[in-house]
């Protein structure tokens, strides 16, 4: 069992968030509805590239929750201060970006929009953040269950949860894509790896991650070409987190990280340093107002679907968006430190904690 925080997981946090930006390029930029067909060689190449990149990138959300389970599966005592600490940057960006677009755009925003921005979790403005906060609240109780189980019992529980969650089994009826129940399953998988996985040994999991992604992309492409034809396939992106093969791909990447020993280089130190800022990348670029501005007004992704420049534009734009958001969140982080936001939250909960010892 790993006894100290492996910087490899900080690198995975950075990589996972970058892959989320890449996935949003496909999901929000290209979209889940057909926009043209593969009528020429560049568009056919771009469709194949989208499938491959999409299968590599869609593991990102799963990896984020696996990391959460891995690191807090031992924390059986509720730490309620984690909830407002997670909530604070969510509300900060939601309200800030509302006023930015109110003052600097042509959008007609009113009090109803402000109310939804002020309560983004309640109104599900960030679906991931909403479910993540709920998972953080449940985490200590989930950890208590995990600590009480033998390894065999733990595996049986994961098997039952897999049946309930995977979309090719009962997932569509009992869980669904991006559901809290799916997050709980991922939490327990990450926890199992922390408690019972052998962190030493040969590490071929990275190769398996790429292999699974390639196989999945090939399956999607063959299915599409058989149904529509090579030269009349729709240009679109559509995957599900609780797809069994995508889960395996995410698991392979996570297991590779668990065994990877990151060297002490300037690049590793840089990635570890920016890892705490990655949640801000999500909150900024996937804001409801920023989303359309990015993918449709500024980049106009659809106009590149039949161009050889599509893939270079995808890489350049996602890298630019990622690091721009990192820079913005570094300012937010400094502001929070200056205002001692987290310290004040800790102080508040330290005062009320004696009253809640029984919880």
Protein backbone atom coordinates (compact mmCIF):
# COMPACT_ATOMS: atom_id res chain seq x y z
CA UNK A 1 0.00 0.00 0.00
CA UNK A 2 1.28 3.46 -0.88
CA UNK A 3 2.15 5.37 2.25
CA UNK A 4 2.78 8.81 0.86
CA UNK A 5 1.28 10.91 -1.86
CA UNK A 6 2.85 9.98 -5.16
CA UNK A 7 3.59 13.01 -7.38
CA UNK A 8 2.51 10.80 -10.27
CA UNK A 9 -1.09 11.31 -9.16
CA UNK A 10 -0.61 15.08 -9.27
CA UNK A 11 0.58 14.67 -12.84
CA UNK A 12 -2.50 12.56 -13.56
CA UNK A 13 -4.71 15.36 -12.20
CA UNK A 14 -3.12 17.78 -14.66
CA UNK A 15 -3.34 15.35 -17.57
CA UNK A 16 -6.94 14.44 -16.70
CA UNK A 17 -8.03 18.08 -16.65
CA UNK A 18 -6.30 18.78 -19.95
CA UNK A 19 -8.10 15.77 -21.41
CA UNK A 20 -11.37 17.20 -20.07
CA UNK A 21 -10.69 20.38 -22.07
CA UNK A 22 -9.96 18.23 -25.13
CA UNK A 23 -13.18 16.29 -24.59
CA UNK A 24 -15.17 19.51 -24.29
CA UNK A 25 -13.67 20.64 -27.60
CA UNK A 26 -15.26 17.55 -29.14
CA UNK A 27 -18.47 17.48 -27.09
CA UNK A 28 -19.32 21.20 -27.18
CA UNK A 29 -17.36 22.25 -30.25
CA UNK A 30 -18.20 19.41 -32.62
CA UNK A 31 -21.29 18.34 -30.70
CA UNK A 32 -23.46 15.26 -30.31
CA UNK A 33 -25.63 16.07 -33.31
CA UNK A 34 -24.43 15.51 -36.90
CA UNK A 35 -22.88 18.54 -38.58
CA UNK A 36 -22.03 17.52 -42.10
CA UNK A 37 -20.68 14.21 -43.35
CA UNK A 38 -17.33 12.68 -44.31
CA UNK A 39 -17.55 13.83 -47.91
CA UNK A 40 -13.80 14.24 -48.52
CA UNK A 41 -10.44 12.91 -47.33
CA UNK A 42 -9.75 15.68 -44.75
CA UNK A 43 -13.15 15.18 -43.09
CA UNK A 44 -12.67 11.39 -43.05
CA UNK A 45 -9.26 11.85 -41.43
CA UNK A 46 -10.75 14.27 -38.91
CA UNK A 47 -13.55 11.85 -37.98
CA UNK A 48 -11.02 9.06 -37.39
CA UNK A 49 -8.88 11.47 -35.36
CA UNK A 50 -11.90 12.56 -33.30
CA UNK A 51 -12.73 8.96 -32.44
CA UNK A 52 -9.15 8.20 -31.39
CA UNK A 53 -8.68 11.43 -29.42
CA UNK A 54 -12.14 11.07 -27.89
CA UNK A 55 -11.44 7.56 -26.61
CA UNK A 56 -8.16 8.76 -25.08
CA UNK A 57 -9.74 11.85 -23.54
CA UNK A 58 -13.06 10.54 -22.22
CA UNK A 59 -11.31 8.67 -19.40
CA UNK A 60 -10.57 12.00 -17.71
CA UNK A 61 -13.65 12.37 -15.49
CA UNK A 62 -13.39 8.77 -14.34
CA UNK A 63 -9.72 9.30 -13.42
CA UNK A 64 -10.58 12.37 -11.32
CA UNK A 65 -13.00 10.38 -9.17
CA UNK A 66 -10.64 7.40 -8.96
CA UNK A 67 -8.02 9.79 -7.54
CA UNK A 68 -10.53 11.05 -4.97
CA UNK A 69 -11.34 7.54 -3.78
CA UNK A 70 -7.67 6.57 -3.71
CA UNK A 71 -6.66 9.40 -1.39
CA UNK A 72 -9.59 9.64 1.03
CA UNK A 73 -10.63 6.01 1.43
CA UNK A 74 -8.89 6.09 4.86
CA UNK A 75 -10.68 9.23 6.07
CA UNK A 76 -13.54 7.81 8.12
CA UNK A 77 -13.98 10.95 10.25
CA UNK A 78 -16.17 13.58 8.56
CA UNK A 79 -14.27 16.69 7.54
CA UNK A 80 -17.18 18.98 6.79
CA UNK A 81 -14.88 21.91 6.04
CA UNK A 82 -14.02 20.24 2.73
CA UNK A 83 -17.51 21.03 1.45
CA UNK A 84 -17.34 24.86 1.75
CA UNK A 85 -13.71 24.76 0.58
CA UNK A 86 -14.88 23.04 -2.59
CA UNK A 87 -18.00 25.21 -2.82
CA UNK A 88 -16.18 28.57 -2.50
CA UNK A 89 -14.33 28.59 -5.87
CA UNK A 90 -17.43 27.21 -7.61
CA UNK A 91 -19.57 30.14 -6.46
CA UNK A 92 -16.71 32.60 -6.98
CA UNK A 93 -16.36 31.80 -10.67
CA UNK A 94 -20.08 31.34 -11.26
CA UNK A 95 -20.91 34.81 -9.90
CA UNK A 96 -17.81 36.51 -11.33
CA UNK A 97 -18.43 35.22 -14.85
CA UNK A 98 -22.10 36.17 -14.61
CA UNK A 99 -21.13 39.80 -14.00
CA UNK A 100 -18.43 39.70 -16.70
CA UNK A 101 -20.99 38.61 -19.29
CA UNK A 102 -23.65 40.93 -17.89
CA UNK A 103 -21.36 43.92 -18.41
CA UNK A 104 -19.31 42.87 -21.43
CA UNK A 105 -21.61 40.84 -23.68
CA UNK A 106 -24.87 41.17 -25.58
CA UNK A 107 -26.57 38.49 -23.47
CA UNK A 108 -29.77 39.63 -21.80
CA UNK A 109 -29.25 38.41 -18.26
CA UNK A 110 -31.65 39.02 -15.39
CA UNK A 111 -32.26 38.24 -11.74
CA UNK A 112 -33.21 34.66 -12.55
CA UNK A 113 -29.81 34.14 -14.18
CA UNK A 114 -28.08 35.74 -11.21
CA UNK A 115 -29.91 33.45 -8.80
CA UNK A 116 -28.81 30.39 -10.75
CA UNK A 117 -25.24 31.69 -10.85
CA UNK A 118 -25.28 32.40 -7.11
CA UNK A 119 -26.47 28.85 -6.40
CA UNK A 120 -24.68 26.87 -9.12
CA UNK A 121 -24.75 23.57 -7.24
CA UNK A 122 -28.48 23.69 -6.54
CA UNK A 123 -29.24 24.60 -10.17
CA UNK A 124 -26.70 22.10 -11.52
CA UNK A 125 -24.73 24.73 -13.45
CA UNK A 126 -21.67 22.48 -13.18
CA UNK A 127 -22.89 18.89 -13.27
CA UNK A 128 -19.48 17.51 -12.24
CA UNK A 129 -19.07 19.95 -9.34
CA UNK A 130 -22.60 19.22 -8.08
CA UNK A 131 -21.98 15.49 -7.90
CA UNK A 132 -18.44 15.94 -6.62
CA UNK A 133 -19.62 18.00 -3.63
CA UNK A 134 -22.19 15.29 -2.87
CA UNK A 135 -19.45 12.64 -3.08
CA UNK A 136 -17.23 14.63 -0.70
CA UNK A 137 -20.12 14.75 1.79
CA UNK A 138 -20.66 10.99 1.53
CA UNK A 139 -16.96 10.05 1.45
CA UNK A 140 -16.36 9.40 5.19
CA UNK A 141 -19.37 7.11 5.39
CA UNK A 142 -18.33 5.29 2.23
CA UNK A 143 -14.85 4.92 3.75
CA UNK A 144 -16.30 3.37 6.92
CA UNK A 145 -17.94 0.68 4.80
CA UNK A 146 -14.70 0.06 2.88
CA UNK A 147 -12.66 -0.31 6.08
CA UNK A 148 -15.13 -2.88 7.45
CA UNK A 149 -14.97 -5.16 4.40
CA UNK A 150 -12.57 -8.00 3.77
CA UNK A 151 -10.86 -8.02 0.40
CA UNK A 152 -13.25 -10.70 -0.87
CA UNK A 153 -16.31 -8.78 0.36
CA UNK A 154 -14.94 -5.62 -1.24
CA UNK A 155 -14.60 -7.39 -4.61
CA UNK A 156 -18.14 -8.78 -4.36
CA UNK A 157 -19.47 -5.29 -3.63
CA UNK A 158 -17.60 -3.88 -6.64
CA UNK A 159 -19.05 -6.66 -8.78
CA UNK A 160 -22.60 -5.84 -7.69
CA UNK A 161 -22.00 -2.12 -8.27
CA UNK A 162 -20.56 -2.85 -11.72
CA UNK A 163 -23.76 -4.66 -12.71
CA UNK A 164 -25.83 -1.74 -11.43
CA UNK A 165 -23.69 0.90 -13.17
CA UNK A 166 -22.38 -0.37 -16.50
CA UNK A 167 -24.67 0.75 -19.30
CA UNK A 168 -24.51 -2.60 -21.12
CA UNK A 169 -25.87 -4.29 -17.97
CA UNK A 170 -28.34 -2.40 -15.73
CA UNK A 171 -26.72 1.04 -15.87
CA UNK A 172 -29.30 2.63 -18.14
CA UNK A 173 -32.10 1.53 -15.80
CA UNK A 174 -30.48 2.01 -12.38
CA UNK A 175 -27.60 4.47 -12.70
CA UNK A 176 -26.95 6.37 -15.90
CA UNK A 177 -24.18 8.47 -17.35
CA UNK A 178 -22.58 10.95 -14.92
CA UNK A 179 -24.74 9.86 -11.98
CA UNK A 180 -23.77 10.07 -8.31
CA UNK A 181 -24.06 6.27 -8.09
CA UNK A 182 -21.43 5.99 -10.83
CA UNK A 183 -19.18 8.35 -8.85
CA UNK A 184 -19.61 6.17 -5.75
CA UNK A 185 -18.57 3.11 -7.77
CA UNK A 186 -15.45 4.91 -9.03
CA UNK A 187 -14.70 6.09 -5.48
CA UNK A 188 -14.73 2.51 -4.26
CA UNK A 189 -12.58 1.30 -7.17
CA UNK A 190 -9.98 3.97 -6.35
CA UNK A 191 -10.19 2.98 -2.70
CA UNK A 192 -9.70 -0.69 -3.51
CA UNK A 193 -6.55 0.13 -5.45
CA UNK A 194 -5.20 2.08 -2.47
CA UNK A 195 -6.00 -0.70 0.00
CA UNK A 196 -5.27 -3.88 -1.94
CA UNK A 197 -3.35 -3.20 -5.17
CA UNK A 198 0.34 -4.15 -5.43
CA UNK A 199 2.04 -0.84 -6.23
CA UNK A 200 5.30 -2.53 -7.20
CA UNK A 201 6.04 -4.67 -10.22
CA UNK A 202 6.13 -4.42 -14.00
CA UNK A 203 4.11 -1.50 -15.32
CA UNK A 204 2.51 -2.23 -18.68
CA UNK A 205 -0.76 -0.49 -17.84
CA UNK A 206 0.07 2.58 -19.93
CA UNK A 207 0.38 0.43 -23.05
CA UNK A 208 -2.91 -1.25 -22.21
CA UNK A 209 -4.57 2.18 -21.86
CA UNK A 210 -3.59 3.08 -25.42
CA UNK A 211 -4.50 -0.38 -26.70
CA UNK A 212 -7.99 -0.24 -25.17
CA UNK A 213 -8.54 3.27 -26.57
CA UNK A 214 -7.45 2.16 -30.05
CA UNK A 215 -9.73 -0.89 -29.96
CA UNK A 216 -12.68 1.19 -28.78
CA UNK A 217 -12.08 3.82 -31.48
CA UNK A 218 -11.90 1.08 -34.10
CA UNK A 219 -15.19 -0.41 -32.87
CA UNK A 220 -16.92 2.97 -33.04
CA UNK A 221 -15.56 3.68 -36.52
CA UNK A 222 -16.50 0.27 -37.93
CA UNK A 223 -19.99 0.59 -36.46
CA UNK A 224 -20.37 4.06 -37.97
CA UNK A 225 -19.04 3.10 -41.40
CA UNK A 226 -21.23 -0.02 -41.59
CA UNK A 227 -24.32 1.99 -40.69
CA UNK A 228 -23.71 5.17 -42.72
CA UNK A 229 -20.96 4.37 -45.21
CA UNK A 230 -17.38 5.64 -45.29
CA UNK A 231 -18.20 8.77 -47.31
CA UNK A 232 -21.45 9.68 -45.59
CA UNK A 233 -20.74 9.29 -41.87
CA UNK A 234 -21.93 12.08 -39.54
CA UNK A 235 -19.36 14.40 -37.95
CA UNK A 236 -20.25 14.12 -34.26
CA UNK A 237 -18.97 12.96 -30.85
CA UNK A 238 -20.87 10.83 -28.33
CA UNK A 239 -19.61 8.59 -25.52
CA UNK A 240 -20.69 7.58 -22.02
CA UNK A 241 -18.58 7.49 -18.86
CA UNK A 242 -20.22 4.27 -17.69
CA UNK A 243 -19.40 2.47 -20.92
CA UNK A 244 -17.52 -0.63 -19.79
CA UNK A 245 -14.60 -0.30 -22.22
CA UNK A 246 -14.07 3.38 -21.38
CA UNK A 247 -13.96 2.42 -17.71
CA UNK A 248 -11.28 -0.18 -18.46
CA UNK A 249 -9.26 2.45 -20.34
CA UNK A 250 -9.50 4.84 -17.36
CA UNK A 251 -8.56 2.03 -14.98
CA UNK A 252 -5.47 1.15 -17.04
CA UNK A 253 -4.29 4.77 -17.00
CA UNK A 254 -4.91 4.97 -13.26
CA UNK A 255 -3.06 1.72 -12.52
CA UNK A 256 -0.14 2.92 -14.64
CA UNK A 257 -0.03 6.05 -12.50
CA UNK A 258 -0.14 4.00 -9.29
CA UNK A 259 3.02 2.14 -10.31
CA UNK A 260 4.80 4.99 -12.07
CA UNK A 261 7.68 6.56 -10.13
CA UNK A 262 7.89 10.16 -11.27
CA UNK A 263 11.46 11.48 -11.56
CA UNK A 264 12.46 14.68 -9.80
CA UNK A 265 12.68 16.95 -12.85
CA UNK A 266 11.67 20.57 -13.45
CA UNK A 267 8.71 19.41 -15.55
CA UNK A 268 7.41 17.12 -12.81
CA UNK A 269 7.81 19.88 -10.22
CA UNK A 270 5.97 22.31 -12.51
CA UNK A 271 3.07 19.90 -13.04
CA UNK A 272 2.84 19.17 -9.32
CA UNK A 273 2.78 22.91 -8.64
CA UNK A 274 -0.12 23.63 -11.00
CA UNK A 275 -2.12 20.49 -10.07
CA UNK A 276 -4.14 22.27 -7.31
CA UNK A 277 -5.25 24.84 -9.91
CA UNK A 278 -6.80 22.32 -12.29
CA UNK A 279 -10.29 22.46 -10.75
CA UNK A 280 -10.33 26.13 -11.71
CA UNK A 281 -9.71 25.15 -15.33
CA UNK A 282 -13.00 23.26 -15.29
CA UNK A 283 -14.92 26.03 -13.50
CA UNK A 284 -13.75 28.67 -15.97
CA UNK A 285 -13.86 27.03 -19.38
CA UNK A 286 -17.04 25.00 -18.79
CA UNK A 287 -19.04 27.88 -17.36
CA UNK A 288 -22.41 28.06 -19.11
CA UNK A 289 -21.61 31.49 -20.60
CA UNK A 290 -17.97 30.83 -21.45
CA UNK A 291 -18.75 27.50 -23.12
CA UNK A 292 -20.60 28.90 -26.12
CA UNK A 293 -18.22 31.82 -26.46
CA UNK A 294 -15.24 29.48 -26.66
CA UNK A 295 -16.42 26.73 -28.94
CA UNK A 296 -18.83 28.54 -31.26
CA UNK A 297 -18.08 32.26 -31.30
CA UNK A 298 -14.30 32.34 -30.93
CA UNK A 299 -13.17 29.01 -32.37
CA UNK A 300 -16.17 28.08 -34.56
CA UNK A 301 -15.11 24.44 -34.53
CA UNK A 302 -17.64 23.39 -37.16
CA UNK A 303 -15.91 25.50 -39.80
CA UNK A 304 -12.76 23.37 -39.44
CA UNK A 305 -14.32 19.92 -39.84
CA UNK A 306 -13.34 19.63 -43.52
CA UNK A 307 -9.88 21.14 -43.11
CA UNK A 308 -6.49 19.50 -42.59
CA UNK A 309 -5.95 22.18 -39.93
CA UNK A 310 -8.63 20.66 -37.65
CA UNK A 311 -6.28 18.52 -35.52
CA UNK A 312 -3.55 21.20 -35.18
CA UNK A 313 -6.27 23.69 -34.22
CA UNK A 314 -7.64 21.24 -31.64
CA UNK A 315 -4.21 20.85 -30.04
CA UNK A 316 -3.31 24.54 -30.10
CA UNK A 317 -6.66 25.78 -28.80
CA UNK A 318 -6.98 23.25 -25.97
CA UNK A 319 -3.40 23.87 -24.78
CA UNK A 320 -4.04 27.63 -24.90
CA UNK A 321 -7.34 27.35 -23.02
CA UNK A 322 -5.82 25.09 -20.38
CA UNK A 323 -2.89 27.34 -19.53
CA UNK A 324 -4.96 30.52 -19.75
CA UNK A 325 -7.33 29.06 -17.15
CA UNK A 326 -4.37 27.95 -15.00
CA UNK A 327 -3.07 31.54 -15.07
CA UNK A 328 -6.50 32.92 -14.13
CA UNK A 329 -6.95 30.46 -11.28
CA UNK A 330 -3.51 31.26 -9.92
CA UNK A 331 -4.80 34.82 -9.42
CA UNK A 332 -7.93 33.47 -7.72
CA UNK A 333 -5.75 31.26 -5.52
CA UNK A 334 -3.63 34.23 -4.45
CA UNK A 335 -6.76 36.24 -3.71
CA UNK A 336 -8.18 33.42 -1.56
CA UNK A 337 -4.86 33.17 0.29
CA UNK A 338 -4.78 36.93 0.81
CA UNK A 339 -8.33 36.88 2.18
CA UNK A 340 -7.51 33.69 4.13
CA UNK A 341 -10.68 32.04 2.84
CA UNK A 342 -9.67 28.48 3.70
CA UNK A 343 -8.16 29.54 7.04
CA UNK A 344 -11.42 31.24 7.99
CA UNK A 345 -13.36 28.11 7.05
CA UNK A 346 -11.01 26.01 9.20
CA UNK A 347 -11.42 28.44 12.11
CA UNK A 348 -15.21 28.36 11.82
CA UNK A 349 -15.37 24.57 11.81
CA UNK A 350 -12.85 24.33 14.65
CA UNK A 351 -15.26 26.38 16.78
CA UNK A 352 -18.30 24.26 16.01
CA UNK A 353 -16.56 20.88 15.89
CA UNK A 354 -16.82 20.11 19.65
CA UNK A 355 -20.59 20.33 19.30
CA UNK A 356 -20.52 17.69 16.58
CA UNK A 357 -18.16 15.10 18.05
CA UNK A 358 -20.84 12.47 17.80
CA UNK A 359 -21.19 12.94 14.05
